[in-house]
Protein backbone atom coordinates (compact mmCIF):
# COMPACT_ATOMS: atom_id res chain seq x y z
CA UNK A 1 0.00 0.00 0.00
CA UNK A 2 1.22 3.54 -0.71
CA UNK A 3 2.35 5.57 2.29
CA UNK A 4 3.18 9.22 2.96
CA UNK A 5 6.25 10.06 5.04
CA UNK A 6 7.48 13.36 6.42
CA UNK A 7 11.07 14.57 6.48
CA UNK A 8 12.61 17.89 7.46
CA UNK A 9 15.34 19.57 5.43
CA UNK A 10 16.81 22.30 7.66
CA UNK A 11 13.46 23.63 8.80
CA UNK A 12 11.53 22.81 5.65
CA UNK A 13 8.81 20.21 6.20
CA UNK A 14 8.50 18.01 3.11
CA UNK A 15 6.31 14.99 2.34
CA UNK A 16 6.93 12.06 0.03
CA UNK A 17 4.53 9.41 -1.25
CA UNK A 18 6.09 5.96 -1.64
CA UNK A 19 4.57 2.93 -3.40
CA UNK A 20 6.29 -0.45 -3.69
CA UNK A 21 3.17 -2.48 -4.50
CA UNK A 22 3.67 -2.38 -8.28
CA UNK A 23 7.00 -4.21 -8.14
CA UNK A 24 8.84 -0.88 -8.30
CA UNK A 25 9.96 1.68 -5.76
CA UNK A 26 7.89 4.64 -6.91
CA UNK A 27 8.24 7.82 -4.88
CA UNK A 28 7.61 11.51 -5.39
CA UNK A 29 7.24 14.63 -3.27
CA UNK A 30 3.80 16.07 -2.56
CA UNK A 31 2.41 19.21 -0.93
CA UNK A 32 -0.14 18.81 1.84
CA UNK A 33 -1.86 22.17 1.51
CA UNK A 34 -5.07 21.85 -0.54
CA UNK A 35 -5.31 18.07 -0.13
CA UNK A 36 -4.61 15.67 2.73
CA UNK A 37 -2.28 12.66 2.70
CA UNK A 38 -5.31 10.34 2.51
CA UNK A 39 -6.62 12.17 -0.58
CA UNK A 40 -3.21 11.92 -2.26
CA UNK A 41 -3.03 8.19 -1.56
CA UNK A 42 -6.56 7.70 -2.95
CA UNK A 43 -5.68 9.66 -6.09
CA UNK A 44 -2.46 7.67 -6.50
CA UNK A 45 -4.32 4.36 -6.23
CA UNK A 46 -6.94 5.52 -8.74
CA UNK A 47 -4.26 6.51 -11.23
CA UNK A 48 -2.44 3.19 -10.87
CA UNK A 49 -5.69 1.28 -11.42
CA UNK A 50 -6.52 3.30 -14.54
CA UNK A 51 -3.11 2.63 -16.12
CA UNK A 52 -2.33 -0.38 -18.28
CA UNK A 53 0.29 -2.88 -17.01
CA UNK A 54 2.75 -1.55 -19.59
CA UNK A 55 2.20 2.00 -18.43
CA UNK A 56 2.76 1.03 -14.80
CA UNK A 57 6.18 -0.36 -15.73
CA UNK A 58 7.34 2.83 -17.46
CA UNK A 59 5.64 5.75 -15.76
CA UNK A 60 7.76 8.00 -13.53
CA UNK A 61 6.93 9.36 -10.10
CA UNK A 62 6.74 12.89 -11.50
CA UNK A 63 4.19 11.83 -14.11
CA UNK A 64 2.05 10.12 -11.46
CA UNK A 65 2.15 13.27 -9.33
CA UNK A 66 0.93 15.39 -12.27
CA UNK A 67 -1.84 12.91 -13.08
CA UNK A 68 -2.81 12.64 -9.41
CA UNK A 69 -3.00 16.44 -9.20
CA UNK A 70 -5.32 16.53 -12.20
CA UNK A 71 -7.35 13.71 -10.65
CA UNK A 72 -7.80 15.61 -7.40
CA UNK A 73 -8.91 18.72 -9.27
CA UNK A 74 -11.33 16.90 -11.62
CA UNK A 75 -15.03 16.35 -11.13
CA UNK A 76 -16.46 12.94 -10.24
CA UNK A 77 -17.89 12.57 -13.74
CA UNK A 78 -14.49 13.05 -15.37
CA UNK A 79 -12.91 10.54 -12.98
CA UNK A 80 -15.47 7.87 -13.80
CA UNK A 81 -14.93 8.38 -17.53
CA UNK A 82 -11.17 8.07 -17.06
CA UNK A 83 -11.55 4.82 -15.11
CA UNK A 84 -13.67 3.34 -17.92
CA UNK A 85 -11.48 4.40 -20.84
CA UNK A 86 -8.03 4.40 -19.19
CA UNK A 87 -5.53 7.24 -19.07
CA UNK A 88 -3.62 8.60 -22.02
CA UNK A 89 -0.02 8.87 -20.78
CA UNK A 90 2.71 10.01 -23.15
CA UNK A 91 5.59 8.13 -21.63
CA UNK A 92 8.13 9.46 -24.11
CA UNK A 93 7.30 13.06 -23.22
CA UNK A 94 7.78 13.36 -19.44
CA UNK A 95 5.86 16.06 -17.63
CA UNK A 96 8.06 18.99 -16.64
CA UNK A 97 8.73 19.33 -12.94
CA UNK A 98 8.12 22.70 -11.36
CA UNK A 99 11.02 24.87 -10.20
CA UNK A 100 9.95 24.40 -6.58
CA UNK A 101 9.93 20.61 -6.93
CA UNK A 102 13.42 20.50 -8.44
CA UNK A 103 14.76 22.95 -5.85
CA UNK A 104 13.27 20.84 -3.04
CA UNK A 105 14.91 17.71 -4.46
CA UNK A 106 18.19 19.64 -4.79
CA UNK A 107 18.11 20.57 -1.08
CA UNK A 108 17.27 16.99 -0.15
CA UNK A 109 20.24 15.75 -2.19
CA UNK A 110 22.49 18.51 -0.81
CA UNK A 111 21.54 17.54 2.75
CA UNK A 112 22.69 13.93 2.56
CA UNK A 113 24.55 12.96 5.72
CA UNK A 114 28.30 13.44 5.78
CA UNK A 115 28.59 15.72 2.75
CA UNK A 116 27.81 19.26 3.92
CA UNK A 117 27.71 20.90 7.34
CA UNK A 118 24.46 22.05 8.93
CA UNK A 119 25.48 25.71 8.63
CA UNK A 120 26.08 25.27 4.87
CA UNK A 121 22.74 23.48 4.45
CA UNK A 122 20.99 26.30 6.32
CA UNK A 123 22.60 28.87 4.03
CA UNK A 124 21.52 26.94 0.92
CA UNK A 125 17.95 26.68 2.24
CA UNK A 126 17.86 30.46 2.73
CA UNK A 127 19.26 31.09 -0.75
CA UNK A 128 16.62 28.76 -2.20
CA UNK A 129 13.88 30.57 -0.30
CA UNK A 130 14.94 33.92 -1.77
CA UNK A 131 15.15 32.54 -5.32
CA UNK A 132 11.69 30.97 -5.06
CA UNK A 133 10.26 34.24 -3.76
CA UNK A 134 11.71 36.02 -6.80
CA UNK A 135 10.20 33.50 -9.24
CA UNK A 136 6.86 33.74 -7.45
CA UNK A 137 7.08 37.53 -7.80
CA UNK A 138 7.61 37.05 -11.55
CA UNK A 139 4.84 34.40 -11.64
CA UNK A 140 7.24 31.78 -12.94
CA UNK A 141 6.70 28.18 -11.87
CA UNK A 142 8.46 26.19 -14.64
CA UNK A 143 12.04 26.27 -15.86
CA UNK A 144 10.84 26.62 -19.47
CA UNK A 145 9.25 29.96 -18.53
CA UNK A 146 12.52 31.54 -17.37
CA UNK A 147 14.11 34.03 -19.74
CA UNK A 148 17.53 35.62 -19.49
CA UNK A 149 15.94 39.03 -18.85
CA UNK A 150 14.31 37.56 -15.73
CA UNK A 151 17.70 36.53 -14.31
CA UNK A 152 19.17 39.91 -15.31
CA UNK A 153 16.49 41.58 -13.18
CA UNK A 154 17.34 39.52 -10.08
CA UNK A 155 20.28 41.65 -8.78
CA UNK A 156 18.21 44.87 -8.72
CA UNK A 157 15.25 43.05 -7.12
CA UNK A 158 17.41 41.36 -4.49
CA UNK A 159 19.57 44.38 -3.68
CA UNK A 160 16.55 46.22 -2.26
CA UNK A 161 15.49 43.29 -0.08
CA UNK A 162 17.33 42.27 3.05
CA UNK A 163 15.94 39.26 4.86
CA UNK A 164 18.10 39.57 7.98
CA UNK A 165 16.31 42.66 9.40
CA UNK A 166 19.44 44.77 9.10
CA UNK A 167 19.53 48.17 7.42
CA UNK A 168 21.03 48.86 4.01
CA UNK A 169 21.13 46.89 0.79
CA UNK A 170 22.00 43.27 0.15
CA UNK A 171 25.68 42.98 -0.68
CA UNK A 172 26.98 42.19 -4.14
CA UNK A 173 28.68 39.10 -2.69
CA UNK A 174 25.37 37.82 -1.30
CA UNK A 175 23.61 38.29 -4.65
CA UNK A 176 26.47 36.67 -6.56
CA UNK A 177 26.39 33.66 -4.22
CA UNK A 178 22.64 33.27 -4.78
CA UNK A 179 23.10 33.41 -8.55
CA UNK A 180 25.85 30.80 -8.23
CA UNK A 181 23.40 28.66 -6.24
CA UNK A 182 20.80 29.09 -8.98
CA UNK A 183 23.39 27.91 -11.51
CA UNK A 184 24.08 24.82 -9.39
CA UNK A 185 20.34 24.09 -9.17
CA UNK A 186 19.93 24.47 -12.93
CA UNK A 187 22.78 22.02 -13.48
CA UNK A 188 20.99 19.65 -11.09
CA UNK A 189 17.81 19.99 -13.15
CA UNK A 190 19.71 19.42 -16.40
CA UNK A 191 21.38 16.30 -15.02
CA UNK A 192 18.42 14.67 -13.31
CA UNK A 193 15.15 16.16 -14.60
CA UNK A 194 15.56 16.72 -18.31
CA UNK A 195 16.03 20.49 -18.21
CA UNK A 196 17.86 21.92 -21.21
CA UNK A 197 21.04 23.90 -20.64
CA UNK A 198 20.15 27.41 -21.83
CA UNK A 199 23.05 29.44 -20.33
CA UNK A 200 20.65 31.82 -18.62
CA UNK A 201 23.30 33.25 -16.29
CA UNK A 202 25.91 34.03 -18.95
CA UNK A 203 26.97 37.65 -18.77
CA UNK A 204 24.82 38.48 -15.74
CA UNK A 205 26.80 40.92 -13.61
CA UNK A 206 26.06 42.36 -10.20
CA UNK A 207 26.65 46.08 -9.89
CA UNK A 208 29.17 46.94 -7.19
CA UNK A 209 28.33 50.09 -5.27
CA UNK A 210 29.73 51.82 -2.24
CA UNK A 211 26.81 50.52 -0.20
CA UNK A 212 27.01 46.85 -1.12
CA UNK A 213 30.74 46.18 -1.36
CA UNK A 214 32.26 44.32 1.59
CA UNK A 215 35.01 46.41 3.13
CA UNK A 216 38.23 45.20 4.71
CA UNK A 217 38.43 46.47 8.28
CA UNK A 218 41.47 45.03 10.06
CA UNK A 219 42.19 45.86 13.68
CA UNK A 220 44.93 48.30 14.57
CA UNK A 221 47.97 46.92 16.39
CA UNK A 222 46.90 48.57 19.64
CA UNK A 223 43.40 47.11 19.32
CA UNK A 224 44.77 43.60 18.82
CA UNK A 225 46.95 43.88 21.93
CA UNK A 226 43.97 45.17 23.92
CA UNK A 227 41.70 42.35 22.70
CA UNK A 228 44.29 39.66 23.35
CA UNK A 229 44.94 41.10 26.81
CA UNK A 230 41.22 41.00 27.57
CA UNK A 231 41.00 37.41 26.31
CA UNK A 232 43.93 36.38 28.53
CA UNK A 233 42.27 37.87 31.61
CA UNK A 234 38.90 36.38 30.70
CA UNK A 235 40.44 32.95 30.09
CA UNK A 236 42.16 33.02 33.47
CA UNK A 237 38.89 33.94 35.22
CA UNK A 238 36.92 31.09 33.66
CA UNK A 239 39.88 28.70 33.46
CA UNK A 240 39.18 28.08 29.77
CA UNK A 241 41.59 29.06 27.01
CA UNK A 242 39.79 27.74 23.93
CA UNK A 243 38.61 31.10 22.52
CA UNK A 244 41.89 32.89 23.31
CA UNK A 245 43.97 30.28 21.49
CA UNK A 246 41.57 30.06 18.53
CA UNK A 247 41.66 33.83 18.00
CA UNK A 248 45.45 33.73 18.17
CA UNK A 249 45.40 30.91 15.61
CA UNK A 250 43.27 33.06 13.28
CA UNK A 251 45.71 35.96 13.71
CA UNK A 252 48.76 33.81 13.00
CA UNK A 253 47.42 31.57 10.20
CA UNK A 254 44.53 33.57 8.69
CA UNK A 255 42.03 30.75 9.24
CA UNK A 256 38.40 31.48 8.41
CA UNK A 257 35.56 30.52 10.77
CA UNK A 258 34.81 27.35 8.78
CA UNK A 259 38.41 26.13 9.17
CA UNK A 260 38.36 26.96 12.89
CA UNK A 261 35.17 24.92 13.28
CA UNK A 262 36.59 21.88 11.48
CA UNK A 263 40.09 22.07 12.99
CA UNK A 264 41.65 18.68 13.77
CA UNK A 265 44.90 17.53 15.38
CA UNK A 266 45.73 15.69 12.17
CA UNK A 267 46.08 19.03 10.38
CA UNK A 268 49.30 19.75 12.31
CA UNK A 269 52.10 17.88 10.49
CA UNK A 270 54.80 18.42 13.10
CA UNK A 271 57.33 16.24 11.25
CA UNK A 272 56.85 18.29 8.06
CA UNK A 273 56.65 21.61 9.88
CA UNK A 274 53.31 22.62 8.33
CA UNK A 275 49.67 23.22 9.24
CA UNK A 276 47.68 21.51 6.46
CA UNK A 277 44.31 23.28 6.39
CA UNK A 278 41.43 21.04 5.29
CA UNK A 279 43.60 17.95 5.41
CA UNK A 280 42.12 15.21 3.14
CA UNK A 281 39.54 17.74 1.85
CA UNK A 282 37.25 17.43 4.87
CA UNK A 283 35.69 20.85 4.21
CA UNK A 284 32.80 19.56 2.11
CA UNK A 285 33.00 22.59 -0.16
CA UNK A 286 31.19 21.66 -3.37
CA UNK A 287 30.57 24.86 -5.28
CA UNK A 288 31.72 27.66 -3.01
CA UNK A 289 33.47 30.76 -4.34
CA UNK A 290 36.81 29.62 -2.86
CA UNK A 291 38.01 26.30 -4.23
CA UNK A 292 41.63 26.48 -2.96
CA UNK A 293 40.90 26.46 0.75
CA UNK A 294 43.15 23.41 1.25
CA UNK A 295 46.65 24.79 1.81
CA UNK A 296 49.90 24.31 3.75
CA UNK A 297 51.01 26.97 6.26
CA UNK A 298 54.53 26.79 7.79
CA UNK A 299 54.49 26.18 11.54
CA UNK A 300 55.80 29.16 13.51
CA UNK A 301 56.83 28.93 17.18
CA UNK A 302 53.41 30.30 18.18
CA UNK A 303 51.54 27.71 16.09
CA UNK A 304 53.66 24.94 17.58
CA UNK A 305 52.92 26.24 21.08
CA UNK A 306 49.17 26.33 20.34
CA UNK A 307 49.36 22.69 19.30
CA UNK A 308 51.30 21.75 22.44
CA UNK A 309 48.84 23.60 24.71
CA UNK A 310 45.99 21.69 23.10
CA UNK A 311 43.24 24.17 24.04
CA UNK A 312 42.28 24.67 20.38
CA UNK A 313 41.01 21.06 20.36
CA UNK A 314 39.13 21.16 23.66
CA UNK A 315 35.65 22.26 22.59
CA UNK A 316 33.17 19.49 21.82
CA UNK A 317 31.65 20.31 18.42
CA UNK A 318 28.38 18.61 19.39
CA UNK A 319 27.65 21.37 21.90
CA UNK A 320 27.51 24.10 19.25
CA UNK A 321 24.21 25.66 18.16
CA UNK A 322 25.25 27.15 14.82
CA UNK A 323 22.05 28.42 13.22
CA UNK A 324 23.10 30.26 10.05
CA UNK A 325 26.71 30.71 11.25
CA UNK A 326 29.57 28.26 11.40
CA UNK A 327 29.67 26.36 14.68
CA UNK A 328 32.68 28.10 16.20
CA UNK A 329 31.49 31.59 15.17
CA UNK A 330 28.12 30.95 16.80
CA UNK A 331 29.73 29.70 20.02
CA UNK A 332 32.20 32.60 20.27
CA UNK A 333 29.74 35.41 19.49
CA UNK A 334 28.47 35.92 23.05
CA UNK A 335 31.97 36.25 24.49
CA UNK A 336 33.11 38.60 21.71
CA UNK A 337 30.09 40.85 22.42
CA UNK A 338 31.27 40.99 26.04
CA UNK A 339 34.77 41.91 24.81
CA UNK A 340 33.26 44.80 22.82
CA UNK A 341 31.49 46.18 25.87
CA UNK A 342 34.50 45.98 28.20
CA UNK A 343 37.21 47.14 25.75
CA UNK A 344 35.19 49.75 23.85
CA UNK A 345 36.34 48.26 20.51
CA UNK A 346 33.43 47.93 18.09
CA UNK A 347 32.51 45.01 15.85
CA UNK A 348 34.83 42.29 17.13
CA UNK A 349 34.23 39.25 14.93
CA UNK A 350 36.29 36.30 13.75
CA UNK A 351 36.66 37.42 10.14
CA UNK A 352 38.34 40.65 11.20
CA UNK A 353 41.15 38.60 12.78
CA UNK A 354 41.67 36.91 9.39
CA UNK A 355 41.75 40.33 7.71
CA UNK A 356 44.23 41.54 10.33
CA UNK A 357 46.46 38.55 9.67
CA UNK A 358 46.55 39.37 5.96
CA UNK A 359 46.97 43.14 6.19
CA UNK A 360 49.63 42.96 8.90
CA UNK A 361 51.76 40.66 6.78
CA UNK A 362 51.36 42.75 3.65
CA UNK A 363 52.21 45.86 5.66
CA UNK A 364 55.28 44.01 6.98
CA UNK A 365 56.50 43.48 3.41
CA UNK A 366 55.32 39.94 2.69
CA UNK A 367 54.76 39.20 -1.00
CA UNK A 368 51.16 39.22 -2.22
CA UNK A 369 51.45 35.66 -3.59
CA UNK A 370 52.62 34.37 -0.20
CA UNK A 371 49.69 35.97 1.61
CA UNK A 372 47.25 34.75 -1.06
CA UNK A 373 48.39 31.14 -0.56
CA UNK A 374 48.18 31.51 3.19
CA UNK A 375 44.55 32.69 2.96
CA UNK A 376 43.60 29.95 0.47
CA UNK A 377 42.34 32.31 -2.22
CA UNK A 378 41.76 30.61 -5.57
CA UNK A 379 43.43 33.47 -7.43
CA UNK A 380 46.02 36.05 -6.41
CA UNK A 381 43.81 38.68 -8.04
CA UNK A 382 41.23 38.05 -5.31
CA UNK A 383 43.83 38.91 -2.68
CA UNK A 384 44.98 41.94 -4.66
CA UNK A 385 41.47 43.33 -5.06
CA UNK A 386 40.83 43.02 -1.32
CA UNK A 387 44.18 44.05 0.14
CA UNK A 388 46.03 46.03 -2.56
CA UNK A 389 46.30 49.18 -0.43
CA UNK A 390 48.15 47.18 2.24
CA UNK A 391 50.79 45.72 -0.13
CA UNK A 392 53.87 47.74 0.85
CA UNK A 393 56.49 45.33 -0.48
CA UNK A 394 57.52 47.84 -3.16
CA UNK A 395 57.09 50.93 -0.96
CA UNK A 396 59.34 54.00 -1.25
CA UNK A 397 61.64 54.89 1.60
CA UNK A 398 58.90 56.86 3.33
CA UNK A 399 57.14 53.65 4.32
CA UNK A 400 60.16 52.03 5.93
CA UNK A 401 59.02 53.07 9.38
CA UNK A 402 55.63 51.42 8.90
CA UNK A 403 57.29 48.33 7.49
CA UNK A 404 59.42 48.03 10.64
CA UNK A 405 56.41 48.52 12.94
CA UNK A 406 54.39 45.81 11.24
CA UNK A 407 57.39 43.50 10.85
CA UNK A 408 57.89 43.73 14.63
CA UNK A 409 54.15 43.10 15.19
CA UNK A 410 54.14 40.01 12.97
CA UNK A 411 57.32 38.75 14.64
CA UNK A 412 55.67 39.23 18.05
CA UNK A 413 52.61 37.24 16.93
CA UNK A 414 54.56 34.42 15.27
CA UNK A 415 57.53 34.10 17.61
CA UNK A 416 57.29 36.20 20.76
CA UNK A 417 53.69 35.95 21.96
CA UNK A 418 54.34 33.23 24.54
CA UNK A 419 57.78 34.45 25.60
């Protein structure tokens, strides 16, 4: 007998009808809004009875769903006529799945255990929600209805809509990431649901403005010393050094929040003298903007001391409540807000420590290529576009004083912090 099961994909409640009675494992997603599960099962059974044995062998779950939908919406007289004469099913011309159905299946596939983290799945679900809202606004339900001019209108539509209750416009990076997600979903539809590749996103550009361009805001040297001093005192009071050591790790190695969350002992290759970020490609990054996150960083005395202390491995990842953030960022947020209040330094967040790591080294005269590899950027041009004003490696003599100040600061971080 057919059955309806419920599953949750990161907050989305979905339902699937499964039928193994015909010698096949037929299953398809359904929406329990206008009709109940019992009505869907009754419609499914009626369709299967009205089909010929040959049709039952070849029909797809998507075709049954479309026929069942028509069945539910038809009058009793039409249903009786269909039962008497059978159903005309064009098996060689499959019924097109709606955009929402394909997107739902994409999220289900994306959420398979062990492939992506919960924070990444949550982000994808939000991106999908925004894309579906846009298509609903344009009254588009099928992929065949999408035109390139529709996609071209998305950046302007999305820029004026923030869904996080913060002021201002949506950033260009956010919009680009959502368009990249749409491209991934279209490829999913092409591969699995018979969509035709139509290159709808080719040439679509997001306008960069002063309002929606992410700025680089590293901490000043004095601010870093104040923050680290506060973290030392706080760690002594609570007898817990995890956050202090993780922030220092971000300052010395430029690790992003995702890398800090997934950090493992195995990443420290003490015999080789390197920190191998994302060892064995454990990051689960499938189609993110940065594909070169796996990288080797030479072990400095400070990094070796952090490994020996072991506090960076103390937190149990199962205790994190990440929400839309990475696990470590979510856990550290409350303490960093307390640091803001007691130090008077505004906007203390993990990514600013990564920016500080990069800008301090560029200001100390490190080559741009070296910093780019340390950060794991896929292209040195990405590093240049973000940090060009801090690249002082070819500075005139007037910058020598600044070079010495930052060289001393980097040396203090990498070699003298624990002395």
